[in-house]
PDB file of N, CA and C in Angstrom:
ATOM      1  N   MET A   1       0.833  -1.174   0.000  1.00  0.00           N
ATOM      2  CA  MET A   1       0.000   0.000   0.000  1.00  0.00           C
ATOM      3  C   MET A   1       0.880   1.240   0.000  1.00  0.00           C
ATOM      4  N   ALA A   2       0.514   2.120  -0.805  1.00  0.00           N
ATOM      5  CA  ALA A   2       1.263   3.368  -0.889  1.00  0.00           C
ATOM      6  C   ALA A   2       0.609   4.378   0.041  1.00  0.00           C
ATOM      7  N   GLU A   3       1.395   4.865   0.980  1.00  0.00           N
ATOM      8  CA  GLU A   3       0.876   5.854   1.925  1.00  0.00           C
ATOM      9  C   GLU A   3       1.165   7.240   1.398  1.00  0.00           C
ATOM     10  N   LYS A   4       0.201   8.112   1.563  1.00  0.00           N
ATOM     11  CA  LYS A   4       0.411   9.490   1.149  1.00  0.00           C
ATOM     12  C   LYS A   4       1.237  10.187   2.211  1.00  0.00           C
ATOM     13  N   LYS A   5       2.194  10.951   1.776  1.00  0.00           N
ATOM     14  CA  LYS A   5       2.989  11.722   2.722  1.00  0.00           C
ATOM     15  C   LYS A   5       2.335  13.079   2.896  1.00  0.00           C
ATOM     16  N   VAL A   6       2.227  13.482   4.136  1.00  0.00           N
ATOM     17  CA  VAL A   6       1.607  14.760   4.459  1.00  0.00           C
ATOM     18  C   VAL A   6       2.724  15.763   4.707  1.00  0.00           C
ATOM     19  N   SER A   7       2.577  16.910   4.111  1.00  0.00           N
ATOM     20  CA  SER A   7       3.619  17.923   4.262  1.00  0.00           C
ATOM     21  C   SER A   7       3.638  18.453   5.695  1.00  0.00           C
ATOM     22  N   THR A   8       4.748  19.029   6.067  1.00  0.00           N
ATOM     23  CA  THR A   8       4.919  19.564   7.412  1.00  0.00           C
ATOM     24  C   THR A   8       3.925  20.682   7.687  1.00  0.00           C
ATOM     25  N   SER A   9       3.709  21.523   6.715  1.00  0.00           N
ATOM     26  CA  SER A   9       2.758  22.623   6.920  1.00  0.00           C
ATOM     27  C   SER A   9       1.345  22.082   7.123  1.00  0.00           C
ATOM     28  N   ARG A  10       0.991  21.041   6.406  1.00  0.00           N
ATOM     29  CA  ARG A  10      -0.335  20.434   6.561  1.00  0.00           C
ATOM     30  C   ARG A  10      -0.459  19.783   7.941  1.00  0.00           C
ATOM     31  N   LYS A  11       0.620  19.119   8.406  1.00  0.00           N
ATOM     32  CA  LYS A  11       0.613  18.518   9.744  1.00  0.00           C
ATOM     33  C   LYS A  11       0.405  19.597  10.806  1.00  0.00           C
ATOM     34  N   ASN A  12       1.120  20.700  10.648  1.00  0.00           N
ATOM     35  CA  ASN A  12       0.989  21.792  11.612  1.00  0.00           C
ATOM     36  C   ASN A  12      -0.415  22.388  11.581  1.00  0.00           C
ATOM     37  N   GLN A  13      -0.987  22.475  10.389  1.00  0.00           N
ATOM     38  CA  GLN A  13      -2.340  23.007  10.254  1.00  0.00           C
ATOM     39  C   GLN A  13      -3.336  22.078  10.947  1.00  0.00           C
ATOM     40  N   ILE A  14      -3.172  20.783  10.755  1.00  0.00           N
ATOM     41  CA  ILE A  14      -4.065  19.804  11.384  1.00  0.00           C
ATOM     42  C   ILE A  14      -3.924  19.856  12.906  1.00  0.00           C
ATOM     43  N   LYS A  15      -2.683  19.938  13.407  1.00  0.00           N
ATOM     44  CA  LYS A  15      -2.460  20.039  14.850  1.00  0.00           C
ATOM     45  C   LYS A  15      -3.116  21.294  15.412  1.00  0.00           C
ATOM     46  N   SER A  16      -2.972  22.386  14.678  1.00  0.00           N
ATOM     47  CA  SER A  16      -3.558  23.645  15.116  1.00  0.00           C
ATOM     48  C   SER A  16      -5.077  23.539  15.191  1.00  0.00           C
ATOM     49  N   LEU A  17      -5.690  22.933  14.194  1.00  0.00           N
ATOM     50  CA  LEU A  17      -7.142  22.748  14.202  1.00  0.00           C
ATOM     51  C   LEU A  17      -7.587  21.855  15.362  1.00  0.00           C
ATOM     52  N   MET A  18      -6.829  20.795  15.604  1.00  0.00           N
ATOM     53  CA  MET A  18      -7.166  19.893  16.704  1.00  0.00           C
ATOM     54  C   MET A  18      -7.073  20.625  18.044  1.00  0.00           C
ATOM     55  N   LEU A  19      -6.050  21.452  18.200  1.00  0.00           N
ATOM     56  CA  LEU A  19      -5.903  22.211  19.439  1.00  0.00           C
ATOM     57  C   LEU A  19      -7.040  23.216  19.614  1.00  0.00           C
ATOM     58  N   GLN A  20      -7.446  23.855  18.530  1.00  0.00           N
ATOM     59  CA  GLN A  20      -8.550  24.808  18.608  1.00  0.00           C
ATOM     60  C   GLN A  20      -9.848  24.113  19.006  1.00  0.00           C
ATOM     61  N   ILE A  21     -10.094  22.966  18.394  1.00  0.00           N
ATOM     62  CA  ILE A  21     -11.309  22.210  18.709  1.00  0.00           C
ATOM     63  C   ILE A  21     -11.293  21.755  20.165  1.00  0.00           C
ATOM     64  N   SER A  22     -10.160  21.225  20.610  1.00  0.00           N
ATOM     65  CA  SER A  22     -10.088  20.751  21.992  1.00  0.00           C
ATOM     66  C   SER A  22     -10.210  21.913  22.977  1.00  0.00           C
ATOM     67  N   GLN A  23      -9.678  23.073  22.614  1.00  0.00           N
ATOM     68  CA  GLN A  23      -9.796  24.234  23.489  1.00  0.00           C
ATOM     69  C   GLN A  23     -11.253  24.667  23.621  1.00  0.00           C
ATOM     70  N   THR A  24     -11.983  24.684  22.529  1.00  0.00           N
ATOM     71  CA  THR A  24     -13.396  25.069  22.608  1.00  0.00           C
ATOM     72  C   THR A  24     -14.196  24.051  23.417  1.00  0.00           C
ATOM     73  N   ILE A  25     -13.844  22.781  23.280  1.00  0.00           N
ATOM     74  CA  ILE A  25     -14.528  21.745  24.063  1.00  0.00           C
ATOM     75  C   ILE A  25     -14.249  21.942  25.550  1.00  0.00           C
ATOM     76  N   LEU A  26     -12.986  22.205  25.908  1.00  0.00           N
ATOM     77  CA  LEU A  26     -12.634  22.427  27.311  1.00  0.00           C
ATOM     78  C   LEU A  26     -13.335  23.665  27.873  1.00  0.00           C
ATOM     79  N   GLU A  27     -13.411  24.721  27.083  1.00  0.00           N
ATOM     80  CA  GLU A  27     -14.093  25.931  27.538  1.00  0.00           C
ATOM     81  C   GLU A  27     -15.573  25.666  27.774  1.00  0.00           C
ATOM     82  N   GLU A  28     -16.191  24.903  26.893  1.00  0.00           N
ATOM     83  CA  GLU A  28     -17.607  24.576  27.060  1.00  0.00           C
ATOM     84  C   GLU A  28     -17.812  23.701  28.294  1.00  0.00           C
ATOM     85  N   GLU A  29     -16.903  22.757  28.540  1.00  0.00           N
ATOM     86  CA  GLU A  29     -16.999  21.924  29.734  1.00  0.00           C
ATOM     87  C   GLU A  29     -16.866  22.775  30.989  1.00  0.00           C
ATOM     88  N   ALA A  30     -15.975  23.758  30.966  1.00  0.00           N
ATOM     89  CA  ALA A  30     -15.803  24.641  32.122  1.00  0.00           C
ATOM     90  C   ALA A  30     -17.066  25.461  32.363  1.00  0.00           C
ATOM     91  N   ARG A  31     -17.672  25.969  31.294  1.00  0.00           N
ATOM     92  CA  ARG A  31     -18.914  26.730  31.440  1.00  0.00           C
ATOM     93  C   ARG A  31     -20.027  25.835  31.982  1.00  0.00           C
ATOM     94  N   GLU A  32     -20.093  24.612  31.499  1.00  0.00           N
ATOM     95  CA  GLU A  32     -21.117  23.674  31.963  1.00  0.00           C
ATOM     96  C   GLU A  32     -20.901  23.337  33.437  1.00  0.00           C
ATOM     97  N   ALA A  33     -19.649  23.142  33.840  1.00  0.00           N
ATOM     98  CA  ALA A  33     -19.355  22.854  35.242  1.00  0.00           C
ATOM     99  C   ALA A  33     -19.766  24.032  36.124  1.00  0.00           C
ATOM    100  N   LYS A  34     -19.530  25.235  35.651  1.00  0.00           N
ATOM    101  CA  LYS A  34     -19.912  26.422  36.414  1.00  0.00           C
ATOM    102  C   LYS A  34     -21.432  26.511  36.546  1.00  0.00           C
ATOM    103  N   ARG A  35     -22.142  26.249  35.455  1.00  0.00           N
ATOM    104  CA  ARG A  35     -23.608  26.261  35.503  1.00  0.00           C
ATOM    105  C   ARG A  35     -24.124  25.186  36.459  1.00  0.00           C
ATOM    106  N   GLU A  36     -23.509  24.016  36.422  1.00  0.00           N
ATOM    107  CA  GLU A  36     -23.912  22.915  37.301  1.00  0.00           C
ATOM    108  C   GLU A  36     -23.675  23.284  38.764  1.00  0.00           C
ATOM    109  N   LYS A  37     -22.560  23.929  39.038  1.00  0.00           N
ATOM    110  CA  LYS A  37     -22.250  24.347  40.406  1.00  0.00           C
ATOM    111  C   LYS A  37     -23.284  25.349  40.899  1.00  0.00           C
ATOM    112  N   ILE A  38     -23.627  26.319  40.065  1.00  0.00           N
ATOM    113  CA  ILE A  38     -24.621  27.322  40.443  1.00  0.00           C
ATOM    114  C   ILE A  38     -25.975  26.659  40.681  1.00  0.00           C
ATOM    115  N   ARG A  39     -26.356  25.743  39.805  1.00  0.00           N
ATOM    116  CA  ARG A  39     -27.629  25.044  39.956  1.00  0.00           C
ATOM    117  C   ARG A  39     -27.657  24.245  41.257  1.00  0.00           C
ATOM    118  N   HIS A  40     -26.559  23.552  41.554  1.00  0.00           N
ATOM    119  CA  HIS A  40     -26.472  22.755  42.779  1.00  0.00           C
ATOM    120  C   HIS A  40     -26.589  23.654  44.013  1.00  0.00           C
ATOM    121  N   MET A  41     -25.895  24.794  43.988  1.00  0.00           N
ATOM    122  CA  MET A  41     -25.947  25.713  45.123  1.00  0.00           C
ATOM    123  C   MET A  41     -27.363  26.258  45.315  1.00  0.00           C
ATOM    124  N   GLU A  42     -28.044  26.574  44.224  1.00  0.00           N
ATOM    125  CA  GLU A  42     -29.409  27.093  44.329  1.00  0.00           C
ATOM    126  C   GLU A  42     -30.359  26.043  44.889  1.00  0.00           C
ATOM    127  N   GLU A  43     -30.134  24.787  44.538  1.00  0.00           N
ATOM    128  CA  GLU A  43     -31.015  23.716  45.014  1.00  0.00           C
ATOM    129  C   GLU A  43     -30.758  23.365  46.474  1.00  0.00           C
ATOM    130  N   ASN A  44     -29.495  23.324  46.878  1.00  0.00           N
ATOM    131  CA  ASN A  44     -29.145  22.776  48.184  1.00  0.00           C
ATOM    132  C   ASN A  44     -28.816  23.795  49.263  1.00  0.00           C
ATOM    133  N   CYS A  45     -28.548  25.025  48.902  1.00  0.00           N
ATOM    134  CA  CYS A  45     -28.164  26.029  49.888  1.00  0.00           C
ATOM    135  C   CYS A  45     -29.217  27.131  49.932  1.00  0.00           C
ATOM    136  N   PRO A  46     -29.819  27.321  51.081  1.00  0.00           N
ATOM    137  CA  PRO A  46     -30.823  28.385  51.168  1.00  0.00           C
ATOM    138  C   PRO A  46     -30.152  29.746  51.072  1.00  0.00           C
ATOM    139  N   SER A  47     -30.891  30.683  50.552  1.00  0.00           N
ATOM    140  CA  SER A  47     -30.333  32.024  50.442  1.00  0.00           C
ATOM    141  C   SER A  47     -30.267  32.659  51.826  1.00  0.00           C
ATOM    142  N   VAL A  48     -29.306  33.528  52.014  1.00  0.00           N
ATOM    143  CA  VAL A  48     -29.114  34.185  53.297  1.00  0.00           C
ATOM    144  C   VAL A  48     -30.140  35.303  53.422  1.00  0.00           C
ATOM    145  N   SER A  49     -30.908  35.231  54.463  1.00  0.00           N
ATOM    146  CA  SER A  49     -31.876  36.299  54.700  1.00  0.00           C
ATOM    147  C   SER A  49     -31.657  36.818  56.114  1.00  0.00           C
ATOM    148  N   ILE A  50     -31.371  38.092  56.207  1.00  0.00           N
ATOM    149  CA  ILE A  50     -31.142  38.712  57.503  1.00  0.00           C
ATOM    150  C   ILE A  50     -32.358  39.585  57.798  1.00  0.00           C
ATOM    151  N   PRO A  51     -33.200  39.117  58.705  1.00  0.00           N
ATOM    152  CA  PRO A  51     -34.406  39.894  58.985  1.00  0.00           C
ATOM    153  C   PRO A  51     -34.056  41.150  59.781  1.00  0.00           C
ATOM    154  N   GLY A  52     -34.821  42.171  59.580  1.00  0.00           N
ATOM    155  CA  GLY A  52     -34.650  43.379  60.372  1.00  0.00           C
ATOM    156  C   GLY A  52     -33.750  44.394  59.719  1.00  0.00           C
ATOM    157  N   THR A  53     -33.604  45.460  60.429  1.00  0.00           N
ATOM    158  CA  THR A  53     -32.800  46.559  59.918  1.00  0.00           C
ATOM    159  C   THR A  53     -31.464  46.595  60.632  1.00  0.00           C
ATOM    160  N   MET A  54     -30.644  47.529  60.253  1.00  0.00           N
ATOM    161  CA  MET A  54     -29.313  47.650  60.838  1.00  0.00           C
ATOM    162  C   MET A  54     -29.361  47.895  62.354  1.00  0.00           C
ATOM    163  N   PRO A  55     -30.216  48.768  62.863  1.00  0.00           N
ATOM    164  CA  PRO A  55     -30.271  48.938  64.330  1.00  0.00           C
ATOM    165  C   PRO A  55     -30.668  47.650  65.056  1.00  0.00           C
ATOM    166  N   ASP A  56     -31.574  46.883  64.464  1.00  0.00           N
ATOM    167  CA  ASP A  56     -31.958  45.607  65.079  1.00  0.00           C
ATOM    168  C   ASP A  56     -30.766  44.659  65.144  1.00  0.00           C
ATOM    169  N   LEU A  57     -30.006  44.619  64.065  1.00  0.00           N
ATOM    170  CA  LEU A  57     -28.830  43.750  64.043  1.00  0.00           C
ATOM    171  C   LEU A  57     -27.785  44.217  65.049  1.00  0.00           C
ATOM    172  N   GLN A  58     -27.615  45.523  65.175  1.00  0.00           N
ATOM    173  CA  GLN A  58     -26.650  46.040  66.143  1.00  0.00           C
ATOM    174  C   GLN A  58     -27.072  45.690  67.564  1.00  0.00           C
ATOM    175  N   GLU A  59     -28.351  45.787  67.837  1.00  0.00           N
ATOM    176  CA  GLU A  59     -28.849  45.432  69.162  1.00  0.00           C
ATOM    177  C   GLU A  59     -28.645  43.940  69.434  1.00  0.00           C
ATOM    178  N   LEU A  60     -28.892  43.118  68.443  1.00  0.00           N
ATOM    179  CA  LEU A  60     -28.662  41.683  68.585  1.00  0.00           C
ATOM    180  C   LEU A  60     -27.190  41.404  68.877  1.00  0.00           C
ATOM    181  N   CYS A  61     -26.301  42.085  68.177  1.00  0.00           N
ATOM    182  CA  CYS A  61     -24.863  41.914  68.416  1.00  0.00           C
ATOM    183  C   CYS A  61     -24.494  42.335  69.835  1.00  0.00           C
ATOM    184  N   ARG A  62     -25.082  43.422  70.319  1.00  0.00           N
ATOM    185  CA  ARG A  62     -24.803  43.868  71.690  1.00  0.00           C
ATOM    186  C   ARG A  62     -25.229  42.805  72.698  1.00  0.00           C
ATOM    187  N   LYS A  63     -26.414  42.239  72.490  1.00  0.00           N
ATOM    188  CA  LYS A  63     -26.903  41.198  73.400  1.00  0.00           C
ATOM    189  C   LYS A  63     -25.976  39.987  73.400  1.00  0.00           C
ATOM    190  N   ILE A  64     -25.557  39.597  72.217  1.00  0.00           N
ATOM    191  CA  ILE A  64     -24.670  38.433  72.111  1.00  0.00           C
ATOM    192  C   ILE A  64     -23.338  38.718  72.797  1.00  0.00           C
ATOM    193  N   HIS A  65     -22.808  39.926  72.612  1.00  0.00           N
ATOM    194  CA  HIS A  65     -21.541  40.280  73.259  1.00  0.00           C
ATOM    195  C   HIS A  65     -21.682  40.307  74.779  1.00  0.00           C
ATOM    196  N   LYS A  66     -22.826  40.765  75.286  1.00  0.00           N
ATOM    197  CA  LYS A  66     -23.051  40.744  76.729  1.00  0.00           C
ATOM    198  C   LYS A  66     -23.057  39.311  77.243  1.00  0.00           C
ATOM    199  N   GLN A  67     -23.711  38.420  76.504  1.00  0.00           N
ATOM    200  CA  GLN A  67     -23.736  37.014  76.910  1.00  0.00           C
ATOM    201  C   GLN A  67     -22.330  36.423  76.906  1.00  0.00           C
ATOM    202  N   ILE A  68     -21.557  36.785  75.901  1.00  0.00           N
ATOM    203  CA  ILE A  68     -20.180  36.288  75.828  1.00  0.00           C
ATOM    204  C   ILE A  68     -19.381  36.787  77.022  1.00  0.00           C
ATOM    205  N   ASP A  69     -19.536  38.072  77.357  1.00  0.00           N
ATOM    206  CA  ASP A  69     -18.818  38.627  78.505  1.00  0.00           C
ATOM    207  C   ASP A  69     -19.196  37.915  79.793  1.00  0.00           C
ATOM    208  N   LEU A  70     -20.493  37.660  79.989  1.00  0.00           N
ATOM    209  CA  LEU A  70     -20.934  36.954  81.190  1.00  0.00           C
ATOM    210  C   LEU A  70     -20.341  35.548  81.258  1.00  0.00           C
ATOM    211  N   LEU A  71     -20.345  34.866  80.142  1.00  0.00           N
ATOM    212  CA  LEU A  71     -19.782  33.512  80.119  1.00  0.00           C
ATOM    213  C   LEU A  71     -18.280  33.530  80.379  1.00  0.00           C
ATOM    214  N   ASP A  72     -17.593  34.532  79.846  1.00  0.00           N
ATOM    215  CA  ASP A  72     -16.154  34.641  80.103  1.00  0.00           C
ATOM    216  C   ASP A  72     -15.881  34.884  81.581  1.00  0.00           C
ATOM    217  N   GLU A  73     -16.695  35.729  82.219  1.00  0.00           N
ATOM    218  CA  GLU A  73     -16.529  35.973  83.653  1.00  0.00           C
ATOM    219  C   GLU A  73     -16.761  34.694  84.446  1.00  0.00           C
ATOM    220  N   GLU A  74     -17.818  33.967  84.094  1.00  0.00           N
ATOM    221  CA  GLU A  74     -18.102  32.711  84.789  1.00  0.00           C
ATOM    222  C   GLU A  74     -16.968  31.710  84.594  1.00  0.00           C
ATOM    223  N   ARG A  75     -16.465  31.635  83.390  1.00  0.00           N
ATOM    224  CA  ARG A  75     -15.361  30.715  83.111  1.00  0.00           C
ATOM    225  C   ARG A  75     -14.127  31.100  83.927  1.00  0.00           C
ATOM    226  N   TYR A  76     -13.846  32.386  83.999  1.00  0.00           N
ATOM    227  CA  TYR A  76     -12.696  32.870  84.762  1.00  0.00           C
ATOM    228  C   TYR A  76     -12.861  32.536  86.242  1.00  0.00           C
ATOM    229  N   ASP A  77     -14.073  32.778  86.780  1.00  0.00           N
ATOM    230  CA  ASP A  77     -14.335  32.471  88.184  1.00  0.00           C
ATOM    231  C   ASP A  77     -14.177  30.979  88.454  1.00  0.00           C
ATOM    232  N   MET A  78     -14.718  30.159  87.571  1.00  0.00           N
ATOM    233  CA  MET A  78     -14.601  28.707  87.750  1.00  0.00           C
ATOM    234  C   MET A  78     -13.143  28.265  87.673  1.00  0.00           C
ATOM    235  N   GLU A  79     -12.405  28.863  86.767  1.00  0.00           N
ATOM    236  CA  GLU A  79     -10.989  28.515  86.630  1.00  0.00           C
ATOM    237  C   GLU A  79     -10.231  28.872  87.905  1.00  0.00           C
ATOM    238  N   ASN A  80     -10.539  30.024  88.475  1.00  0.00           N
ATOM    239  CA  ASN A  80      -9.887  30.427  89.725  1.00  0.00           C
ATOM    240  C   ASN A  80     -10.246  29.478  90.860  1.00  0.00           C
ATOM    241  N   LYS A  81     -11.509  29.068  90.937  1.00  0.00           N
ATOM    242  CA  LYS A  81     -11.926  28.129  91.975  1.00  0.00           C
ATOM    243  C   LYS A  81     -11.188  26.805  91.835  1.00  0.00           C
ATOM    244  N   VAL A  82     -11.062  26.329  90.603  1.00  0.00           N
ATOM    245  CA  VAL A  82     -10.372  25.059  90.366  1.00  0.00           C
ATOM    246  C   VAL A  82      -8.902  25.186  90.740  1.00  0.00           C
ATOM    247  N   ASN A  83      -8.271  26.275  90.332  1.00  0.00           N
ATOM    248  CA  ASN A  83      -6.855  26.477  90.661  1.00  0.00           C
ATOM    249  C   ASN A  83      -6.653  26.583  92.169  1.00  0.00           C
ATOM    250  N   LYS A  84      -7.561  27.264  92.846  1.00  0.00           N
ATOM    251  CA  LYS A  84      -7.466  27.415  94.297  1.00  0.00           C
ATOM    252  C   LYS A  84      -7.614  26.066  94.986  1.00  0.00           C
ATOM    253  N   SER A  85      -8.573  25.268  94.523  1.00  0.00           N
ATOM    254  CA  SER A  85      -8.771  23.958  95.143  1.00  0.00           C
ATOM    255  C   SER A  85      -7.611  23.015  94.824  1.00  0.00           C
ATOM    256  N   ASP A  86      -6.982  23.176  93.672  1.00  0.00           N
ATOM    257  CA  ASP A  86      -5.829  22.345  93.329  1.00  0.00           C
ATOM    258  C   ASP A  86      -4.639  22.672  94.221  1.00  0.00           C
ATOM    259  N   LYS A  87      -4.491  23.930  94.582  1.00  0.00           N
ATOM    260  CA  LYS A  87      -3.376  24.343  95.438  1.00  0.00           C
ATOM    261  C   LYS A  87      -3.541  23.814  96.853  1.00  0.00           C
ATOM    262  N   GLU A  88      -4.784  23.661  97.302  1.00  0.00           N
ATOM    263  CA  GLU A  88      -5.041  23.197  98.670  1.00  0.00           C
ATOM    264  C   GLU A  88      -4.925  21.734  98.805  1.00  0.00           C
TER     265      GLU A  88
END
């Protein structure tokens, strides 16, 4: 069988076309993956809803910080009691 010889320029042209085609396929796969990720997030993750206005949120933060301070004081007192009893 006689095989046709392909010129170097034709080989380079074919390689270039193959690379272009594969690049477009990869780009489309990336876009599809991004769409799939967005769809999955919309289905499985609820949207963040913060009820109330800014002053309400600030008041909530103040209350939470007060609770944290109280718990820290209690923890400190308990730690001191434990250390004192360990020394005795």
